[in-house]
């Protein structure tokens, strides 16, 4: 895959150097006049110098600012793996901006956060064990790149385009958020509708994200001509490797369709391939078809 042809996104944040769940401090810089007065009174009552307390709080504020800057820092320029992520995200931005514009809508770019081991998001704390995920609460994609190694070693799905498919799938969830699909699924959940199972809404939502990833791949290839022989098979192999039936067989020794949340291997391959071949969002309405 000749991914270096793609434009690099500026929406990748490198939080790998920041420990997840760390203490967050509030400092004197964030105190109101009333807060400062309270610190002065408390300091006098405790026999401490109020100026010293305020100075300590100011130092903590500086530490907070440093942590926030680290949290929002871009990846290092010489990090080729992060450059790859920026290239894929950048091309998803170009693709979906074009598609949304043709529908007279505006596409809002998501932010992609690189993390290590665990991360805090608007959806709560998540460890690397959950894999890459999208949080609609802050419209961010979260990725521990160790997952790519697991994809290759545990699931036998190696290759650049397999990794690109993973990113594009999560961006597909962002597209669903912008189109209102995610809100409808959440409303159905609150009404008590069936979510899990091989015909459930969660499976339909995930398969649509696979189809949307295929649409991105279709337009990216047409624009950049960047796929080499075997690249498409890499993505299809990745989709096949992380189907619910295959994962359940590996972990439980049996397949339980009633507990599916992402779709079977065959379904995931079918919907990604459909998006890649057709390139039209209208072909990705997994919520209207009787048979997935």
C-alpha atoms as a PDB file:
ATOM      1  CA  UNK A   1       0.000   0.000   0.000  1.00  0.00           C
ATOM      2  CA  UNK A   2       1.493   3.316  -1.093  1.00  0.00           C
ATOM      3  CA  UNK A   3       0.072   5.232   1.844  1.00  0.00           C
ATOM      4  CA  UNK A   4       2.631   8.036   1.658  1.00  0.00           C
ATOM      5  CA  UNK A   5       0.631   9.492  -1.209  1.00  0.00           C
ATOM      6  CA  UNK A   6      -2.050  10.613   1.238  1.00  0.00           C
ATOM      7  CA  UNK A   7      -2.331  13.987   2.937  1.00  0.00           C
ATOM      8  CA  UNK A   8      -1.433  13.928   6.642  1.00  0.00           C
ATOM      9  CA  UNK A   9      -4.160  14.854   9.100  1.00  0.00           C
ATOM     10  CA  UNK A  10      -3.529  17.478  11.774  1.00  0.00           C
ATOM     11  CA  UNK A  11      -6.180  15.859  13.989  1.00  0.00           C
ATOM     12  CA  UNK A  12      -4.018  13.136  15.525  1.00  0.00           C
ATOM     13  CA  UNK A  13      -3.183  13.584  19.216  1.00  0.00           C
ATOM     14  CA  UNK A  14      -0.353  11.641  20.830  1.00  0.00           C
ATOM     15  CA  UNK A  15      -1.227  10.765  24.433  1.00  0.00           C
ATOM     16  CA  UNK A  16       1.124   7.779  24.647  1.00  0.00           C
ATOM     17  CA  UNK A  17       3.452   9.570  27.046  1.00  0.00           C
ATOM     18  CA  UNK A  18       0.683  10.339  29.514  1.00  0.00           C
ATOM     19  CA  UNK A  19      -0.481   7.788  32.077  1.00  0.00           C
ATOM     20  CA  UNK A  20      -4.218   7.192  31.967  1.00  0.00           C
ATOM     21  CA  UNK A  21      -6.329   7.993  34.974  1.00  0.00           C
ATOM     22  CA  UNK A  22      -3.692  10.283  36.449  1.00  0.00           C
ATOM     23  CA  UNK A  23      -4.453  12.913  39.065  1.00  0.00           C
ATOM     24  CA  UNK A  24      -5.826  16.149  37.664  1.00  0.00           C
ATOM     25  CA  UNK A  25      -5.008  19.293  39.609  1.00  0.00           C
ATOM     26  CA  UNK A  26      -6.754  22.631  39.855  1.00  0.00           C
ATOM     27  CA  UNK A  27      -4.504  25.603  40.441  1.00  0.00           C
ATOM     28  CA  UNK A  28      -4.548  29.191  41.590  1.00  0.00           C
ATOM     29  CA  UNK A  29      -4.838  30.327  37.980  1.00  0.00           C
ATOM     30  CA  UNK A  30      -8.360  28.885  37.922  1.00  0.00           C
ATOM     31  CA  UNK A  31      -9.468  30.385  41.239  1.00  0.00           C
ATOM     32  CA  UNK A  32     -11.986  33.201  41.439  1.00  0.00           C
ATOM     33  CA  UNK A  33     -11.493  36.177  43.771  1.00  0.00           C
ATOM     34  CA  UNK A  34     -13.740  34.400  46.250  1.00  0.00           C
ATOM     35  CA  UNK A  35     -11.602  31.299  45.999  1.00  0.00           C
ATOM     36  CA  UNK A  36      -8.428  33.257  46.633  1.00  0.00           C
ATOM     37  CA  UNK A  37     -10.043  34.907  49.655  1.00  0.00           C
ATOM     38  CA  UNK A  38     -11.023  31.482  50.968  1.00  0.00           C
ATOM     39  CA  UNK A  39      -7.438  30.263  50.605  1.00  0.00           C
ATOM     40  CA  UNK A  40      -6.211  33.309  52.518  1.00  0.00           C
ATOM     41  CA  UNK A  41      -8.683  32.714  55.366  1.00  0.00           C
ATOM     42  CA  UNK A  42      -7.901  28.984  55.550  1.00  0.00           C
ATOM     43  CA  UNK A  43      -4.164  29.711  55.531  1.00  0.00           C
ATOM     44  CA  UNK A  44      -4.479  32.189  58.402  1.00  0.00           C
ATOM     45  CA  UNK A  45      -6.632  29.783  60.422  1.00  0.00           C
ATOM     46  CA  UNK A  46      -4.082  26.990  59.888  1.00  0.00           C
ATOM     47  CA  UNK A  47      -1.131  29.234  60.681  1.00  0.00           C
ATOM     48  CA  UNK A  48       0.302  28.957  57.164  1.00  0.00           C
ATOM     49  CA  UNK A  49       1.422  31.671  54.795  1.00  0.00           C
ATOM     50  CA  UNK A  50      -1.433  32.207  52.287  1.00  0.00           C
ATOM     51  CA  UNK A  51       1.042  33.395  49.647  1.00  0.00           C
ATOM     52  CA  UNK A  52       2.916  30.112  49.942  1.00  0.00           C
ATOM     53  CA  UNK A  53      -0.326  28.136  49.459  1.00  0.00           C
ATOM     54  CA  UNK A  54      -1.246  30.209  46.411  1.00  0.00           C
ATOM     55  CA  UNK A  55       2.242  29.687  45.037  1.00  0.00           C
ATOM     56  CA  UNK A  56       1.885  25.926  45.407  1.00  0.00           C
ATOM     57  CA  UNK A  57      -1.473  26.022  43.632  1.00  0.00           C
ATOM     58  CA  UNK A  58       0.074  28.061  40.839  1.00  0.00           C
ATOM     59  CA  UNK A  59       2.732  25.398  40.449  1.00  0.00           C
ATOM     60  CA  UNK A  60       0.042  22.739  40.256  1.00  0.00           C
ATOM     61  CA  UNK A  61      -1.715  24.795  37.579  1.00  0.00           C
ATOM     62  CA  UNK A  62       1.499  24.819  35.571  1.00  0.00           C
ATOM     63  CA  UNK A  63       1.694  21.046  35.959  1.00  0.00           C
ATOM     64  CA  UNK A  64      -1.889  20.738  34.734  1.00  0.00           C
ATOM     65  CA  UNK A  65      -1.104  22.908  31.730  1.00  0.00           C
ATOM     66  CA  UNK A  66       1.919  20.748  30.956  1.00  0.00           C
ATOM     67  CA  UNK A  67      -0.185  17.584  31.153  1.00  0.00           C
ATOM     68  CA  UNK A  68      -2.831  19.079  28.887  1.00  0.00           C
ATOM     69  CA  UNK A  69      -0.191  20.109  26.356  1.00  0.00           C
ATOM     70  CA  UNK A  70       1.255  16.616  26.454  1.00  0.00           C
ATOM     71  CA  UNK A  71      -2.209  15.155  26.044  1.00  0.00           C
ATOM     72  CA  UNK A  72      -2.838  17.321  22.990  1.00  0.00           C
ATOM     73  CA  UNK A  73       0.629  17.047  21.473  1.00  0.00           C
ATOM     74  CA  UNK A  74       0.955  15.901  17.857  1.00  0.00           C
ATOM     75  CA  UNK A  75       3.036  12.779  17.139  1.00  0.00           C
ATOM     76  CA  UNK A  76       6.753  13.164  16.550  1.00  0.00           C
ATOM     77  CA  UNK A  77       7.651  13.828  12.911  1.00  0.00           C
ATOM     78  CA  UNK A  78      10.000  10.834  12.778  1.00  0.00           C
ATOM     79  CA  UNK A  79       7.390   8.332  14.045  1.00  0.00           C
ATOM     80  CA  UNK A  80       6.555   6.401  10.868  1.00  0.00           C
ATOM     81  CA  UNK A  81       3.748   4.382  12.430  1.00  0.00           C
ATOM     82  CA  UNK A  82       2.077   7.572  13.617  1.00  0.00           C
ATOM     83  CA  UNK A  83       2.680   9.077  10.163  1.00  0.00           C
ATOM     84  CA  UNK A  84       0.776   6.140   8.714  1.00  0.00           C
ATOM     85  CA  UNK A  85      -2.149   6.826  11.046  1.00  0.00           C
ATOM     86  CA  UNK A  86      -2.100  10.510  10.097  1.00  0.00           C
ATOM     87  CA  UNK A  87      -2.103   9.573   6.403  1.00  0.00           C
ATOM     88  CA  UNK A  88      -5.079   7.231   6.715  1.00  0.00           C
ATOM     89  CA  UNK A  89      -7.050   9.655   8.868  1.00  0.00           C
ATOM     90  CA  UNK A  90      -6.197  12.490   6.485  1.00  0.00           C
ATOM     91  CA  UNK A  91      -7.584  10.566   3.552  1.00  0.00           C
ATOM     92  CA  UNK A  92     -10.769   9.653   5.415  1.00  0.00           C
ATOM     93  CA  UNK A  93     -11.188  13.394   6.008  1.00  0.00           C
ATOM     94  CA  UNK A  94     -10.768  14.158   2.314  1.00  0.00           C
ATOM     95  CA  UNK A  95     -13.174  11.386   1.315  1.00  0.00           C
ATOM     96  CA  UNK A  96     -15.954  12.188   3.759  1.00  0.00           C
ATOM     97  CA  UNK A  97     -15.697  15.938   3.246  1.00  0.00           C
ATOM     98  CA  UNK A  98     -16.275  15.333  -0.460  1.00  0.00           C
ATOM     99  CA  UNK A  99     -19.161  12.932   0.091  1.00  0.00           C
ATOM    100  CA  UNK A 100     -20.870  15.200   2.635  1.00  0.00           C
ATOM    101  CA  UNK A 101     -20.370  18.241   0.422  1.00  0.00           C
ATOM    102  CA  UNK A 102     -22.034  16.456  -2.501  1.00  0.00           C
ATOM    103  CA  UNK A 103     -25.022  15.889  -0.194  1.00  0.00           C
ATOM    104  CA  UNK A 104     -24.939  19.584   0.812  1.00  0.00           C
ATOM    105  CA  UNK A 105     -23.864  18.737   4.337  1.00  0.00           C
ATOM    106  CA  UNK A 106     -20.776  19.655   6.342  1.00  0.00           C
ATOM    107  CA  UNK A 107     -18.395  17.017   7.595  1.00  0.00           C
ATOM    108  CA  UNK A 108     -16.756  17.604  10.992  1.00  0.00           C
ATOM    109  CA  UNK A 109     -13.381  15.927  11.311  1.00  0.00           C
ATOM    110  CA  UNK A 110     -12.964  13.594  14.288  1.00  0.00           C
ATOM    111  CA  UNK A 111      -9.815  13.624  16.418  1.00  0.00           C
ATOM    112  CA  UNK A 112      -7.792  10.423  16.684  1.00  0.00           C
ATOM    113  CA  UNK A 113      -6.016   9.855  20.006  1.00  0.00           C
ATOM    114  CA  UNK A 114      -3.025   7.544  20.181  1.00  0.00           C
ATOM    115  CA  UNK A 115      -2.664   6.007  23.640  1.00  0.00           C
ATOM    116  CA  UNK A 116      -0.828   3.241  25.413  1.00  0.00           C
ATOM    117  CA  UNK A 117      -2.317   0.708  27.881  1.00  0.00           C
ATOM    118  CA  UNK A 118      -5.384   2.778  28.842  1.00  0.00           C
ATOM    119  CA  UNK A 119      -7.099   6.088  28.236  1.00  0.00           C
ATOM    120  CA  UNK A 120      -9.779   8.390  29.636  1.00  0.00           C
ATOM    121  CA  UNK A 121     -12.487   9.534  27.251  1.00  0.00           C
ATOM    122  CA  UNK A 122     -15.943  11.086  27.438  1.00  0.00           C
ATOM    123  CA  UNK A 123     -17.187   7.478  27.373  1.00  0.00           C
ATOM    124  CA  UNK A 124     -15.163   6.617  30.488  1.00  0.00           C
ATOM    125  CA  UNK A 125     -11.873   4.842  31.081  1.00  0.00           C
ATOM    126  CA  UNK A 126     -10.891   2.098  28.638  1.00  0.00           C
ATOM    127  CA  UNK A 127      -7.949  -0.266  28.668  1.00  0.00           C
ATOM    128  CA  UNK A 128      -6.176  -1.428  25.538  1.00  0.00           C
ATOM    129  CA  UNK A 129      -8.009  -4.735  25.889  1.00  0.00           C
ATOM    130  CA  UNK A 130     -11.172  -3.207  24.398  1.00  0.00           C
ATOM    131  CA  UNK A 131      -9.342  -2.510  21.151  1.00  0.00           C
ATOM    132  CA  UNK A 132      -9.751   0.621  19.019  1.00  0.00           C
ATOM    133  CA  UNK A 133     -12.994   2.483  19.687  1.00  0.00           C
ATOM    134  CA  UNK A 134     -14.954   5.591  18.844  1.00  0.00           C
ATOM    135  CA  UNK A 135     -16.560   7.733  21.538  1.00  0.00           C
ATOM    136  CA  UNK A 136     -19.548   9.776  20.297  1.00  0.00           C
ATOM    137  CA  UNK A 137     -19.425  11.854  23.484  1.00  0.00           C
ATOM    138  CA  UNK A 138     -16.239  13.649  22.399  1.00  0.00           C
ATOM    139  CA  UNK A 139     -16.240  12.556  18.730  1.00  0.00           C
ATOM    140  CA  UNK A 140     -12.804  11.003  19.054  1.00  0.00           C
ATOM    141  CA  UNK A 141     -11.296   7.760  17.806  1.00  0.00           C
ATOM    142  CA  UNK A 142      -9.002   6.044  20.328  1.00  0.00           C
ATOM    143  CA  UNK A 143      -6.225   3.729  19.179  1.00  0.00           C
ATOM    144  CA  UNK A 144      -3.484   1.831  20.954  1.00  0.00           C
ATOM    145  CA  UNK A 145      -1.224   0.828  18.077  1.00  0.00           C
ATOM    146  CA  UNK A 146      -0.311  -2.346  19.945  1.00  0.00           C
ATOM    147  CA  UNK A 147      -3.614  -3.592  18.522  1.00  0.00           C
ATOM    148  CA  UNK A 148      -2.000  -3.728  15.085  1.00  0.00           C
ATOM    149  CA  UNK A 149       0.582  -6.153  16.451  1.00  0.00           C
ATOM    150  CA  UNK A 150      -2.197  -8.237  18.006  1.00  0.00           C
ATOM    151  CA  UNK A 151      -4.096  -8.140  14.712  1.00  0.00           C
ATOM    152  CA  UNK A 152      -1.085  -9.680  13.004  1.00  0.00           C
ATOM    153  CA  UNK A 153       0.108 -12.110  15.661  1.00  0.00           C
ATOM    154  CA  UNK A 154      -3.159 -13.281  17.219  1.00  0.00           C
ATOM    155  CA  UNK A 155      -5.560 -12.981  14.302  1.00  0.00           C
ATOM    156  CA  UNK A 156      -3.193 -13.529  11.396  1.00  0.00           C
ATOM    157  CA  UNK A 157      -4.318 -10.305   9.714  1.00  0.00           C
ATOM    158  CA  UNK A 158      -1.152  -8.469   8.754  1.00  0.00           C
ATOM    159  CA  UNK A 159      -0.606  -5.572   6.374  1.00  0.00           C
ATOM    160  CA  UNK A 160      -1.003  -1.832   6.022  1.00  0.00           C
ATOM    161  CA  UNK A 161      -4.434  -2.020   4.450  1.00  0.00           C
ATOM    162  CA  UNK A 162      -5.693  -4.271   7.246  1.00  0.00           C
ATOM    163  CA  UNK A 163      -4.669  -1.541   9.691  1.00  0.00           C
ATOM    164  CA  UNK A 164      -6.232   1.124   7.480  1.00  0.00           C
ATOM    165  CA  UNK A 165      -9.510  -0.810   7.530  1.00  0.00           C
ATOM    166  CA  UNK A 166      -9.510  -0.728  11.345  1.00  0.00           C
ATOM    167  CA  UNK A 167      -9.114   3.064  11.388  1.00  0.00           C
ATOM    168  CA  UNK A 168     -11.704   3.555   8.643  1.00  0.00           C
ATOM    169  CA  UNK A 169     -14.205   1.393  10.537  1.00  0.00           C
ATOM    170  CA  UNK A 170     -13.947   3.622  13.615  1.00  0.00           C
ATOM    171  CA  UNK A 171     -14.268   6.715  11.431  1.00  0.00           C
ATOM    172  CA  UNK A 172     -17.371   5.026  10.036  1.00  0.00           C
ATOM    173  CA  UNK A 173     -18.877   5.254  13.520  1.00  0.00           C
ATOM    174  CA  UNK A 174     -18.135   8.979  13.466  1.00  0.00           C
ATOM    175  CA  UNK A 175     -19.985   9.272  10.164  1.00  0.00           C
ATOM    176  CA  UNK A 176     -22.915   7.456  11.783  1.00  0.00           C
ATOM    177  CA  UNK A 177     -22.892  10.004  14.600  1.00  0.00           C
ATOM    178  CA  UNK A 178     -22.983  12.904  12.138  1.00  0.00           C
ATOM    179  CA  UNK A 179     -25.803  11.272  10.164  1.00  0.00           C
ATOM    180  CA  UNK A 180     -27.888  10.663  13.298  1.00  0.00           C
ATOM    181  CA  UNK A 181     -27.674   6.868  13.093  1.00  0.00           C
ATOM    182  CA  UNK A 182     -26.009   6.501  16.489  1.00  0.00           C
ATOM    183  CA  UNK A 183     -28.689   8.628  18.168  1.00  0.00           C
ATOM    184  CA  UNK A 184     -31.429   6.434  16.682  1.00  0.00           C
ATOM    185  CA  UNK A 185     -29.714   3.278  17.925  1.00  0.00           C
ATOM    186  CA  UNK A 186     -29.398   4.763  21.417  1.00  0.00           C
ATOM    187  CA  UNK A 187     -33.067   5.762  21.369  1.00  0.00           C
ATOM    188  CA  UNK A 188     -33.987   2.199  20.408  1.00  0.00           C
ATOM    189  CA  UNK A 189     -31.865   0.912  23.290  1.00  0.00           C
ATOM    190  CA  UNK A 190     -33.771   3.129  25.710  1.00  0.00           C
ATOM    191  CA  UNK A 191     -37.060   1.769  24.326  1.00  0.00           C
ATOM    192  CA  UNK A 192     -35.872  -1.729  25.146  1.00  0.00           C
ATOM    193  CA  UNK A 193     -35.447  -2.957  21.574  1.00  0.00           C
ATOM    194  CA  UNK A 194     -33.191  -5.935  20.884  1.00  0.00           C
ATOM    195  CA  UNK A 195     -29.579  -4.815  20.636  1.00  0.00           C
ATOM    196  CA  UNK A 196     -27.487  -7.989  20.596  1.00  0.00           C
ATOM    197  CA  UNK A 197     -27.856 -11.067  18.432  1.00  0.00           C
ATOM    198  CA  UNK A 198     -27.106 -11.855  14.811  1.00  0.00           C
ATOM    199  CA  UNK A 199     -29.995  -9.650  13.699  1.00  0.00           C
ATOM    200  CA  UNK A 200     -29.741  -7.039  16.475  1.00  0.00           C
ATOM    201  CA  UNK A 201     -29.237  -3.321  16.140  1.00  0.00           C
ATOM    202  CA  UNK A 202     -25.648  -3.400  17.383  1.00  0.00           C
ATOM    203  CA  UNK A 203     -24.700  -5.846  14.643  1.00  0.00           C
ATOM    204  CA  UNK A 204     -26.462  -3.693  12.053  1.00  0.00           C
ATOM    205  CA  UNK A 205     -24.621  -0.627  13.326  1.00  0.00           C
ATOM    206  CA  UNK A 206     -21.229  -2.346  13.193  1.00  0.00           C
ATOM    207  CA  UNK A 207     -21.812  -3.815   9.740  1.00  0.00           C
ATOM    208  CA  UNK A 208     -22.805  -0.395   8.459  1.00  0.00           C
ATOM    209  CA  UNK A 209     -19.497   0.973   9.802  1.00  0.00           C
ATOM    210  CA  UNK A 210     -17.738  -1.805   7.857  1.00  0.00           C
ATOM    211  CA  UNK A 211     -19.619  -0.779   4.720  1.00  0.00           C
ATOM    212  CA  UNK A 212     -18.713   2.875   5.281  1.00  0.00           C
ATOM    213  CA  UNK A 213     -15.065   1.825   5.639  1.00  0.00           C
ATOM    214  CA  UNK A 214     -15.421   0.132   2.270  1.00  0.00           C
ATOM    215  CA  UNK A 215     -16.826   3.322   0.765  1.00  0.00           C
ATOM    216  CA  UNK A 216     -13.780   5.221   2.000  1.00  0.00           C
ATOM    217  CA  UNK A 217     -11.505   2.577   0.460  1.00  0.00           C
ATOM    218  CA  UNK A 218     -13.378   2.863  -2.858  1.00  0.00           C
ATOM    219  CA  UNK A 219     -12.968   6.627  -3.106  1.00  0.00           C
ATOM    220  CA  UNK A 220      -9.398   6.609  -1.773  1.00  0.00           C
ATOM    221  CA  UNK A 221      -8.312   4.100  -4.403  1.00  0.00           C
ATOM    222  CA  UNK A 222     -10.023   6.043  -7.165  1.00  0.00           C
ATOM    223  CA  UNK A 223      -8.298   9.256  -6.056  1.00  0.00           C
ATOM    224  CA  UNK A 224      -4.824   7.992  -5.112  1.00  0.00           C
ATOM    225  CA  UNK A 225      -4.423   4.620  -6.864  1.00  0.00           C
ATOM    226  CA  UNK A 226      -2.431   3.489  -3.859  1.00  0.00           C
ATOM    227  CA  UNK A 227      -3.350  -0.196  -3.472  1.00  0.00           C
ATOM    228  CA  UNK A 228      -0.913  -2.907  -4.453  1.00  0.00           C
ATOM    229  CA  UNK A 229      -1.800  -6.468  -5.363  1.00  0.00           C
ATOM    230  CA  UNK A 230      -3.086  -8.260  -2.273  1.00  0.00           C
ATOM    231  CA  UNK A 231      -3.979  -5.112  -0.321  1.00  0.00           C
ATOM    232  CA  UNK A 232      -7.736  -5.592  -0.635  1.00  0.00           C
ATOM    233  CA  UNK A 233      -7.331  -9.163   0.573  1.00  0.00           C
ATOM    234  CA  UNK A 234      -5.544  -7.816   3.659  1.00  0.00           C
ATOM    235  CA  UNK A 235      -8.600  -5.759   4.626  1.00  0.00           C
ATOM    236  CA  UNK A 236     -10.986  -8.625   3.880  1.00  0.00           C
ATOM    237  CA  UNK A 237      -8.796 -10.944   5.952  1.00  0.00           C
ATOM    238  CA  UNK A 238      -8.924  -8.496   8.866  1.00  0.00           C
ATOM    239  CA  UNK A 239     -12.721  -8.248   8.606  1.00  0.00           C
ATOM    240  CA  UNK A 240     -12.923 -12.033   8.548  1.00  0.00           C
ATOM    241  CA  UNK A 241     -10.537 -12.408  11.504  1.00  0.00           C
ATOM    242  CA  UNK A 242     -12.587 -10.269  13.914  1.00  0.00           C
ATOM    243  CA  UNK A 243     -16.062 -11.620  13.200  1.00  0.00           C
ATOM    244  CA  UNK A 244     -18.092 -12.564  16.275  1.00  0.00           C
ATOM    245  CA  UNK A 245     -18.328 -16.228  15.293  1.00  0.00           C
ATOM    246  CA  UNK A 246     -14.599 -16.625  14.834  1.00  0.00           C
ATOM    247  CA  UNK A 247     -13.739 -14.764  18.036  1.00  0.00           C
ATOM    248  CA  UNK A 248     -16.276 -16.769  20.045  1.00  0.00           C
ATOM    249  CA  UNK A 249     -14.952 -20.032  18.645  1.00  0.00           C
ATOM    250  CA  UNK A 250     -11.440 -19.033  19.694  1.00  0.00           C
ATOM    251  CA  UNK A 251     -12.344 -17.857  23.196  1.00  0.00           C
ATOM    252  CA  UNK A 252     -15.368 -20.005  24.147  1.00  0.00           C
ATOM    253  CA  UNK A 253     -14.965 -23.003  21.914  1.00  0.00           C
ATOM    254  CA  UNK A 254     -18.475 -22.483  20.549  1.00  0.00           C
ATOM    255  CA  UNK A 255     -20.515 -19.895  18.674  1.00  0.00           C
ATOM    256  CA  UNK A 256     -23.469 -18.125  20.318  1.00  0.00           C
ATOM    257  CA  UNK A 257     -25.262 -16.023  17.668  1.00  0.00           C
ATOM    258  CA  UNK A 258     -27.654 -14.540  20.252  1.00  0.00           C
ATOM    259  CA  UNK A 259     -24.721 -12.678  21.797  1.00  0.00           C
ATOM    260  CA  UNK A 260     -23.292 -11.244  18.566  1.00  0.00           C
ATOM    261  CA  UNK A 261     -22.467  -7.520  18.674  1.00  0.00           C
ATOM    262  CA  UNK A 262     -20.388  -6.976  15.520  1.00  0.00           C
ATOM    263  CA  UNK A 263     -21.523  -9.584  12.997  1.00  0.00           C
ATOM    264  CA  UNK A 264     -20.106 -12.826  11.698  1.00  0.00           C
ATOM    265  CA  UNK A 265     -16.901 -13.023   9.680  1.00  0.00           C
ATOM    266  CA  UNK A 266     -18.868 -13.582   6.474  1.00  0.00           C
ATOM    267  CA  UNK A 267     -21.118 -10.600   7.189  1.00  0.00           C
ATOM    268  CA  UNK A 268     -18.218  -8.270   7.929  1.00  0.00           C
ATOM    269  CA  UNK A 269     -16.429  -9.289   4.738  1.00  0.00           C
ATOM    270  CA  UNK A 270     -19.663  -8.909   2.722  1.00  0.00           C
ATOM    271  CA  UNK A 271     -20.477  -5.395   3.906  1.00  0.00           C
ATOM    272  CA  UNK A 272     -16.929  -4.038   3.594  1.00  0.00           C
ATOM    273  CA  UNK A 273     -16.702  -5.529   0.111  1.00  0.00           C
ATOM    274  CA  UNK A 274     -20.097  -4.076  -0.842  1.00  0.00           C
ATOM    275  CA  UNK A 275     -18.997  -0.592   0.206  1.00  0.00           C
ATOM    276  CA  UNK A 276     -15.716  -0.974  -1.670  1.00  0.00           C
ATOM    277  CA  UNK A 277     -17.422  -2.141  -4.861  1.00  0.00           C
ATOM    278  CA  UNK A 278     -20.339   0.304  -4.857  1.00  0.00           C
ATOM    279  CA  UNK A 279     -18.903   3.444  -3.214  1.00  0.00           C
ATOM    280  CA  UNK A 280     -22.369   4.772  -2.362  1.00  0.00           C
ATOM    281  CA  UNK A 281     -23.653   5.489   1.151  1.00  0.00           C
ATOM    282  CA  UNK A 282     -27.164   4.494   0.113  1.00  0.00           C
ATOM    283  CA  UNK A 283     -25.956   0.914  -0.357  1.00  0.00           C
ATOM    284  CA  UNK A 284     -24.923   0.730   3.298  1.00  0.00           C
ATOM    285  CA  UNK A 285     -28.374   0.816   4.911  1.00  0.00           C
ATOM    286  CA  UNK A 286     -27.997  -2.302   7.012  1.00  0.00           C
ATOM    287  CA  UNK A 287     -31.060  -1.278   9.058  1.00  0.00           C
ATOM    288  CA  UNK A 288     -33.486  -1.826   6.169  1.00  0.00           C
ATOM    289  CA  UNK A 289     -32.353  -5.172   4.795  1.00  0.00           C
ATOM    290  CA  UNK A 290     -34.109  -8.297   6.044  1.00  0.00           C
ATOM    291  CA  UNK A 291     -31.026 -10.482   5.735  1.00  0.00           C
ATOM    292  CA  UNK A 292     -27.592  -9.282   6.766  1.00  0.00           C
END
